[in-house]
Every structure is written in structure tokens, then in C-alpha cells.
């Protein structure tokens, strides 16, 4: 699942092994519990710790990208 985290002055994009629903719940819980950080993990196990005060928005999932070139 593609995830885009928009921060005040930058953007972080990565692929997650979690489902859209799991990611959505993670973000909602961080906001509702007034957590100071939001922690994501990409599909390769790399961890991203984000200061929630810098968070602008989170986009979960993206439209399927069209392939370019010849398809066999």
C-alpha cells in the first residue's frame, strides 16, 4: 500500500505492507490520543518516526499507476 505523509515543509512517500484500514486506524489513534509522534514502517522494515506537530496530511493508497512500454 502506498503511503504519502505530507509534512509542513516536505513529503515522505513509501510502500507499506499494512492494509489501508490498518494505516487509517494508526493515524486516527495517534490524533485521538494526542500522541506526539506517528510511527510508520515500510515494507522493507524501515521505521519512520514523525513529529505529529509537523503533520499536514496522510494519503493512504493511490490509484493504480499505468505501466509504460510494451506489455507481453
PDB file of N, CA and C in Angstrom:
ATOM      1  N   UNK A   1       0.836  -1.160   0.000  1.00  0.00           N
ATOM      2  CA  UNK A   1       0.000   0.000   0.000  1.00  0.00           C
ATOM      3  C   UNK A   1       0.892   1.237   0.000  1.00  0.00           C
ATOM      4  N   UNK A   2       0.644   2.139  -0.916  1.00  0.00           N
ATOM      5  CA  UNK A   2       1.436   3.365  -0.977  1.00  0.00           C
ATOM      6  C   UNK A   2       0.941   4.343   0.084  1.00  0.00           C
ATOM      7  N   UNK A   3       1.874   4.966   0.785  1.00  0.00           N
ATOM      8  CA  UNK A   3       1.556   5.947   1.813  1.00  0.00           C
ATOM      9  C   UNK A   3       2.326   7.223   1.509  1.00  0.00           C
ATOM     10  N   UNK A   4       1.637   8.359   1.568  1.00  0.00           N
ATOM     11  CA  UNK A   4       2.284   9.667   1.430  1.00  0.00           C
ATOM     12  C   UNK A   4       1.968  10.478   2.671  1.00  0.00           C
ATOM     13  N   UNK A   5       3.013  10.921   3.358  1.00  0.00           N
ATOM     14  CA  UNK A   5       2.856  11.730   4.553  1.00  0.00           C
ATOM     15  C   UNK A   5       3.298  13.139   4.190  1.00  0.00           C
ATOM     16  N   UNK A   6       2.360  14.068   4.214  1.00  0.00           N
ATOM     17  CA  UNK A   6       2.668  15.458   3.912  1.00  0.00           C
ATOM     18  C   UNK A   6       2.972  16.186   5.205  1.00  0.00           C
ATOM     19  N   UNK A   7       4.183  16.717   5.266  1.00  0.00           N
ATOM     20  CA  UNK A   7       4.622  17.472   6.427  1.00  0.00           C
ATOM     21  C   UNK A   7       4.569  18.948   6.082  1.00  0.00           C
ATOM     22  N   UNK A   8       4.830  19.797   7.024  1.00  0.00           N
ATOM     23  CA  UNK A   8       4.734  21.234   6.774  1.00  0.00           C
ATOM     24  C   UNK A   8       5.642  21.699   5.643  1.00  0.00           C
ATOM     25  N   UNK A   9       6.840  21.122   5.538  1.00  0.00           N
ATOM     26  CA  UNK A   9       7.790  21.600   4.533  1.00  0.00           C
ATOM     27  C   UNK A   9       8.345  20.505   3.639  1.00  0.00           C
ATOM     28  N   UNK A  10       7.774  19.315   3.694  1.00  0.00           N
ATOM     29  CA  UNK A  10       8.278  18.222   2.864  1.00  0.00           C
ATOM     30  C   UNK A  10       7.237  17.119   2.759  1.00  0.00           C
ATOM     31  N   UNK A  11       7.590  16.079   2.022  1.00  0.00           N
ATOM     32  CA  UNK A  11       6.696  14.935   1.843  1.00  0.00           C
ATOM     33  C   UNK A  11       7.504  13.649   1.948  1.00  0.00           C
ATOM     34  N   UNK A  12       6.910  12.645   2.574  1.00  0.00           N
ATOM     35  CA  UNK A  12       7.524  11.332   2.717  1.00  0.00           C
ATOM     36  C   UNK A  12       6.620  10.329   2.027  1.00  0.00           C
ATOM     37  N   UNK A  13       7.165   9.536   1.111  1.00  0.00           N
ATOM     38  CA  UNK A  13       6.401   8.501   0.416  1.00  0.00           C
ATOM     39  C   UNK A  13       7.093   7.165   0.596  1.00  0.00           C
ATOM     40  N   UNK A  14       6.291   6.125   0.825  1.00  0.00           N
ATOM     41  CA  UNK A  14       6.847   4.787   0.984  1.00  0.00           C
ATOM     42  C   UNK A  14       5.758   3.751   0.764  1.00  0.00           C
ATOM     43  N   UNK A  15       6.170   2.504   0.598  1.00  0.00           N
ATOM     44  CA  UNK A  15       5.262   1.369   0.450  1.00  0.00           C
ATOM     45  C   UNK A  15       5.175   0.647   1.785  1.00  0.00           C
ATOM     46  N   UNK A  16       3.960   0.359   2.218  1.00  0.00           N
ATOM     47  CA  UNK A  16       3.748  -0.339   3.473  1.00  0.00           C
ATOM     48  C   UNK A  16       3.124  -1.703   3.214  1.00  0.00           C
ATOM     49  N   UNK A  17       3.456  -2.664   4.057  1.00  0.00           N
ATOM     50  CA  UNK A  17       2.848  -3.995   3.961  1.00  0.00           C
ATOM     51  C   UNK A  17       1.486  -4.031   4.653  1.00  0.00           C
ATOM     52  N   UNK A  18       1.167  -2.987   5.424  1.00  0.00           N
ATOM     53  CA  UNK A  18      -0.108  -2.939   6.130  1.00  0.00           C
ATOM     54  C   UNK A  18      -1.244  -2.589   5.178  1.00  0.00           C
ATOM     55  N   UNK A  19      -2.440  -2.975   5.563  1.00  0.00           N
ATOM     56  CA  UNK A  19      -3.619  -2.659   4.750  1.00  0.00           C
ATOM     57  C   UNK A  19      -4.004  -1.190   4.932  1.00  0.00           C
ATOM     58  N   UNK A  20      -4.824  -0.698   4.041  1.00  0.00           N
ATOM     59  CA  UNK A  20      -5.303   0.684   4.134  1.00  0.00           C
ATOM     60  C   UNK A  20      -6.035   0.904   5.452  1.00  0.00           C
ATOM     61  N   UNK A  21      -6.823  -0.072   5.870  1.00  0.00           N
ATOM     62  CA  UNK A  21      -7.580   0.053   7.116  1.00  0.00           C
ATOM     63  C   UNK A  21      -6.649   0.116   8.328  1.00  0.00           C
ATOM     64  N   UNK A  22      -5.600  -0.698   8.349  1.00  0.00           N
ATOM     65  CA  UNK A  22      -4.632  -0.673   9.458  1.00  0.00           C
ATOM     66  C   UNK A  22      -3.921   0.681   9.531  1.00  0.00           C
ATOM     67  N   UNK A  23      -3.536   1.210   8.379  1.00  0.00           N
ATOM     68  CA  UNK A  23      -2.853   2.501   8.341  1.00  0.00           C
ATOM     69  C   UNK A  23      -3.787   3.623   8.781  1.00  0.00           C
ATOM     70  N   UNK A  24      -5.011   3.563   8.312  1.00  0.00           N
ATOM     71  CA  UNK A  24      -6.009   4.573   8.685  1.00  0.00           C
ATOM     72  C   UNK A  24      -6.213   4.568  10.200  1.00  0.00           C
ATOM     73  N   UNK A  25      -6.341   3.400  10.778  1.00  0.00           N
ATOM     74  CA  UNK A  25      -6.536   3.282  12.227  1.00  0.00           C
ATOM     75  C   UNK A  25      -5.333   3.822  12.992  1.00  0.00           C
ATOM     76  N   UNK A  26      -4.132   3.570  12.491  1.00  0.00           N
ATOM     77  CA  UNK A  26      -2.908   4.070  13.116  1.00  0.00           C
ATOM     78  C   UNK A  26      -2.920   5.594  13.199  1.00  0.00           C
ATOM     79  N   UNK A  27      -3.301   6.240  12.103  1.00  0.00           N
ATOM     80  CA  UNK A  27      -3.328   7.701  12.053  1.00  0.00           C
ATOM     81  C   UNK A  27      -4.431   8.244  12.966  1.00  0.00           C
ATOM     82  N   UNK A  28      -5.613   7.649  12.903  1.00  0.00           N
ATOM     83  CA  UNK A  28      -6.735   8.105  13.730  1.00  0.00           C
ATOM     84  C   UNK A  28      -6.406   7.985  15.210  1.00  0.00           C
ATOM     85  N   UNK A  29      -5.824   6.859  15.622  1.00  0.00           N
ATOM     86  CA  UNK A  29      -5.462   6.670  17.027  1.00  0.00           C
ATOM     87  C   UNK A  29      -4.428   7.697  17.487  1.00  0.00           C
ATOM     88  N   UNK A  30      -3.457   8.007  16.651  1.00  0.00           N
ATOM     89  CA  UNK A  30      -2.436   8.997  17.018  1.00  0.00           C
ATOM     90  C   UNK A  30      -3.066  10.367  17.227  1.00  0.00           C
ATOM     91  N   UNK A  31      -4.027  10.715  16.391  1.00  0.00           N
ATOM     92  CA  UNK A  31      -4.695  12.012  16.514  1.00  0.00           C
ATOM     93  C   UNK A  31      -5.608  12.031  17.740  1.00  0.00           C
ATOM     94  N   UNK A  32      -6.431  11.007  17.886  1.00  0.00           N
ATOM     95  CA  UNK A  32      -7.379  10.956  19.001  1.00  0.00           C
ATOM     96  C   UNK A  32      -6.692  10.887  20.359  1.00  0.00           C
ATOM     97  N   UNK A  33      -5.549  10.192  20.432  1.00  0.00           N
ATOM     98  CA  UNK A  33      -4.822  10.051  21.695  1.00  0.00           C
ATOM     99  C   UNK A  33      -3.838  11.193  21.931  1.00  0.00           C
ATOM    100  N   UNK A  34      -3.839  12.166  21.018  1.00  0.00           N
ATOM    101  CA  UNK A  34      -2.944  13.314  21.100  1.00  0.00           C
ATOM    102  C   UNK A  34      -1.481  12.890  21.238  1.00  0.00           C
ATOM    103  N   UNK A  35      -1.104  11.844  20.494  1.00  0.00           N
ATOM    104  CA  UNK A  35       0.281  11.363  20.503  1.00  0.00           C
ATOM    105  C   UNK A  35       1.210  12.419  19.931  1.00  0.00           C
ATOM    106  N   UNK A  36       2.408  12.484  20.461  1.00  0.00           N
ATOM    107  CA  UNK A  36       3.382  13.450  19.962  1.00  0.00           C
ATOM    108  C   UNK A  36       4.092  12.954  18.712  1.00  0.00           C
ATOM    109  N   UNK A  37       4.085  11.628  18.501  1.00  0.00           N
ATOM    110  CA  UNK A  37       4.739  11.064  17.323  1.00  0.00           C
ATOM    111  C   UNK A  37       3.793  10.116  16.594  1.00  0.00           C
ATOM    112  N   UNK A  38       4.074   9.925  15.338  1.00  0.00           N
ATOM    113  CA  UNK A  38       3.372   8.970  14.496  1.00  0.00           C
ATOM    114  C   UNK A  38       4.449   8.082  13.895  1.00  0.00           C
ATOM    115  N   UNK A  39       4.308   6.775  14.055  1.00  0.00           N
ATOM    116  CA  UNK A  39       5.347   5.850  13.621  1.00  0.00           C
ATOM    117  C   UNK A  39       4.814   4.946  12.516  1.00  0.00           C
ATOM    118  N   UNK A  40       5.510   4.937  11.393  1.00  0.00           N
ATOM    119  CA  UNK A  40       5.180   4.087  10.258  1.00  0.00           C
ATOM    120  C   UNK A  40       6.351   3.147   9.999  1.00  0.00           C
ATOM    121  N   UNK A  41       6.059   2.017   9.372  1.00  0.00           N
ATOM    122  CA  UNK A  41       7.102   1.083   8.947  1.00  0.00           C
ATOM    123  C   UNK A  41       6.836   0.731   7.490  1.00  0.00           C
ATOM    124  N   UNK A  42       7.888   0.783   6.661  1.00  0.00           N
ATOM    125  CA  UNK A  42       7.695   0.437   5.255  1.00  0.00           C
ATOM    126  C   UNK A  42       7.786  -1.074   5.070  1.00  0.00           C
ATOM    127  N   UNK A  43       7.545  -1.530   3.840  1.00  0.00           N
ATOM    128  CA  UNK A  43       7.502  -2.973   3.576  1.00  0.00           C
ATOM    129  C   UNK A  43       8.857  -3.652   3.753  1.00  0.00           C
ATOM    130  N   UNK A  44       9.943  -2.871   3.794  1.00  0.00           N
ATOM    131  CA  UNK A  44      11.287  -3.421   3.992  1.00  0.00           C
ATOM    132  C   UNK A  44      11.724  -3.381   5.452  1.00  0.00           C
ATOM    133  N   UNK A  45      10.834  -2.907   6.339  1.00  0.00           N
ATOM    134  CA  UNK A  45      11.141  -2.864   7.762  1.00  0.00           C
ATOM    135  C   UNK A  45      11.758  -1.570   8.250  1.00  0.00           C
ATOM    136  N   UNK A  46      11.916  -0.595   7.377  1.00  0.00           N
ATOM    137  CA  UNK A  46      12.466   0.697   7.783  1.00  0.00           C
ATOM    138  C   UNK A  46      11.396   1.466   8.553  1.00  0.00           C
ATOM    139  N   UNK A  47      11.788   2.082   9.670  1.00  0.00           N
ATOM    140  CA  UNK A  47      10.852   2.798  10.532  1.00  0.00           C
ATOM    141  C   UNK A  47      10.977   4.297  10.334  1.00  0.00           C
ATOM    142  N   UNK A  48       9.815   4.979  10.277  1.00  0.00           N
ATOM    143  CA  UNK A  48       9.756   6.432  10.152  1.00  0.00           C
ATOM    144  C   UNK A  48       9.026   6.976  11.376  1.00  0.00           C
ATOM    145  N   UNK A  49       9.701   7.831  12.138  1.00  0.00           N
ATOM    146  CA  UNK A  49       9.092   8.454  13.317  1.00  0.00           C
ATOM    147  C   UNK A  49       8.870   9.922  12.977  1.00  0.00           C
ATOM    148  N   UNK A  50       7.612  10.333  13.029  1.00  0.00           N
ATOM    149  CA  UNK A  50       7.234  11.672  12.589  1.00  0.00           C
ATOM    150  C   UNK A  50       6.691  12.464  13.765  1.00  0.00           C
ATOM    151  N   UNK A  51       7.198  13.664  13.948  1.00  0.00           N
ATOM    152  CA  UNK A  51       6.674  14.570  14.962  1.00  0.00           C
ATOM    153  C   UNK A  51       5.291  15.023  14.482  1.00  0.00           C
ATOM    154  N   UNK A  52       4.264  14.661  15.223  1.00  0.00           N
ATOM    155  CA  UNK A  52       2.896  14.912  14.766  1.00  0.00           C
ATOM    156  C   UNK A  52       2.590  16.404  14.607  1.00  0.00           C
ATOM    157  N   UNK A  53       3.312  17.264  15.310  1.00  0.00           N
ATOM    158  CA  UNK A  53       3.063  18.702  15.178  1.00  0.00           C
ATOM    159  C   UNK A  53       3.443  19.208  13.788  1.00  0.00           C
ATOM    160  N   UNK A  54       4.270  18.448  13.041  1.00  0.00           N
ATOM    161  CA  UNK A  54       4.655  18.813  11.672  1.00  0.00           C
ATOM    162  C   UNK A  54       3.763  18.173  10.616  1.00  0.00           C
ATOM    163  N   UNK A  55       2.812  17.360  11.043  1.00  0.00           N
ATOM    164  CA  UNK A  55       1.961  16.616  10.121  1.00  0.00           C
ATOM    165  C   UNK A  55       0.920  17.531   9.483  1.00  0.00           C
ATOM    166  N   UNK A  56       0.829  17.485   8.155  1.00  0.00           N
ATOM    167  CA  UNK A  56      -0.196  18.242   7.438  1.00  0.00           C
ATOM    168  C   UNK A  56      -1.318  17.303   6.994  1.00  0.00           C
ATOM    169  N   UNK A  57      -0.967  16.168   6.381  1.00  0.00           N
ATOM    170  CA  UNK A  57      -1.970  15.192   5.958  1.00  0.00           C
ATOM    171  C   UNK A  57      -1.295  13.864   5.644  1.00  0.00           C
ATOM    172  N   UNK A  58      -2.118  12.812   5.554  1.00  0.00           N
ATOM    173  CA  UNK A  58      -1.634  11.481   5.202  1.00  0.00           C
ATOM    174  C   UNK A  58      -2.529  10.945   4.101  1.00  0.00           C
ATOM    175  N   UNK A  59      -1.940  10.505   3.000  1.00  0.00           N
ATOM    176  CA  UNK A  59      -2.682   9.892   1.906  1.00  0.00           C
ATOM    177  C   UNK A  59      -2.351   8.406   1.898  1.00  0.00           C
ATOM    178  N   UNK A  60      -3.393   7.592   1.995  1.00  0.00           N
ATOM    179  CA  UNK A  60      -3.209   6.140   2.040  1.00  0.00           C
ATOM    180  C   UNK A  60      -3.744   5.549   0.747  1.00  0.00           C
ATOM    181  N   UNK A  61      -2.883   4.808   0.059  1.00  0.00           N
ATOM    182  CA  UNK A  61      -3.297   4.203  -1.206  1.00  0.00           C
ATOM    183  C   UNK A  61      -3.273   5.213  -2.323  1.00  0.00           C
ATOM    184  N   UNK A  62      -3.084   4.728  -3.500  1.00  0.00           N
ATOM    185  CA  UNK A  62      -3.046   5.583  -4.678  1.00  0.00           C
ATOM    186  C   UNK A  62      -3.707   4.844  -5.821  1.00  0.00           C
ATOM    187  N   UNK A  63      -4.124   5.614  -6.792  1.00  0.00           N
ATOM    188  CA  UNK A  63      -4.690   4.972  -7.973  1.00  0.00           C
ATOM    189  C   UNK A  63      -3.628   4.083  -8.596  1.00  0.00           C
ATOM    190  N   UNK A  64      -4.077   3.027  -9.214  1.00  0.00           N
ATOM    191  CA  UNK A  64      -3.121   2.151  -9.894  1.00  0.00           C
ATOM    192  C   UNK A  64      -2.419   2.952 -10.975  1.00  0.00           C
ATOM    193  N   UNK A  65      -1.116   2.860 -10.963  1.00  0.00           N
ATOM    194  CA  UNK A  65      -0.342   3.586 -11.958  1.00  0.00           C
ATOM    195  C   UNK A  65      -0.312   2.797 -13.251  1.00  0.00           C
ATOM    196  N   UNK A  66      -0.419   3.523 -14.333  1.00  0.00           N
ATOM    197  CA  UNK A  66      -0.376   2.872 -15.633  1.00  0.00           C
ATOM    198  C   UNK A  66       1.061   2.484 -15.963  1.00  0.00           C
ATOM    199  N   UNK A  67       1.213   1.325 -16.553  1.00  0.00           N
ATOM    200  CA  UNK A  67       2.531   0.871 -16.955  1.00  0.00           C
ATOM    201  C   UNK A  67       2.885   1.535 -18.286  1.00  0.00           C
ATOM    202  N   UNK A  68       4.132   1.838 -18.425  1.00  0.00           N
ATOM    203  CA  UNK A  68       4.635   2.468 -19.633  1.00  0.00           C
ATOM    204  C   UNK A  68       5.454   1.440 -20.392  1.00  0.00           C
ATOM    205  N   UNK A  69       5.249   1.359 -21.692  1.00  0.00           N
ATOM    206  CA  UNK A  69       6.030   0.425 -22.503  1.00  0.00           C
ATOM    207  C   UNK A  69       5.179  -0.696 -23.034  1.00  0.00           C
ATOM    208  N   UNK A  70       5.835  -1.703 -23.501  1.00  0.00           N
ATOM    209  CA  UNK A  70       5.143  -2.838 -24.105  1.00  0.00           C
ATOM    210  C   UNK A  70       4.841  -3.878 -23.047  1.00  0.00           C
ATOM    211  N   UNK A  71       3.655  -4.432 -23.113  1.00  0.00           N
ATOM    212  CA  UNK A  71       3.245  -5.476 -22.202  1.00  0.00           C
ATOM    213  C   UNK A  71       3.164  -6.779 -22.967  1.00  0.00           C
ATOM    214  N   UNK A  72       3.835  -7.802 -22.485  1.00  0.00           N
ATOM    215  CA  UNK A  72       3.830  -9.104 -23.159  1.00  0.00           C
ATOM    216  C   UNK A  72       2.742  -9.975 -22.620  1.00  0.00           C
TER     217      UNK A  72
END
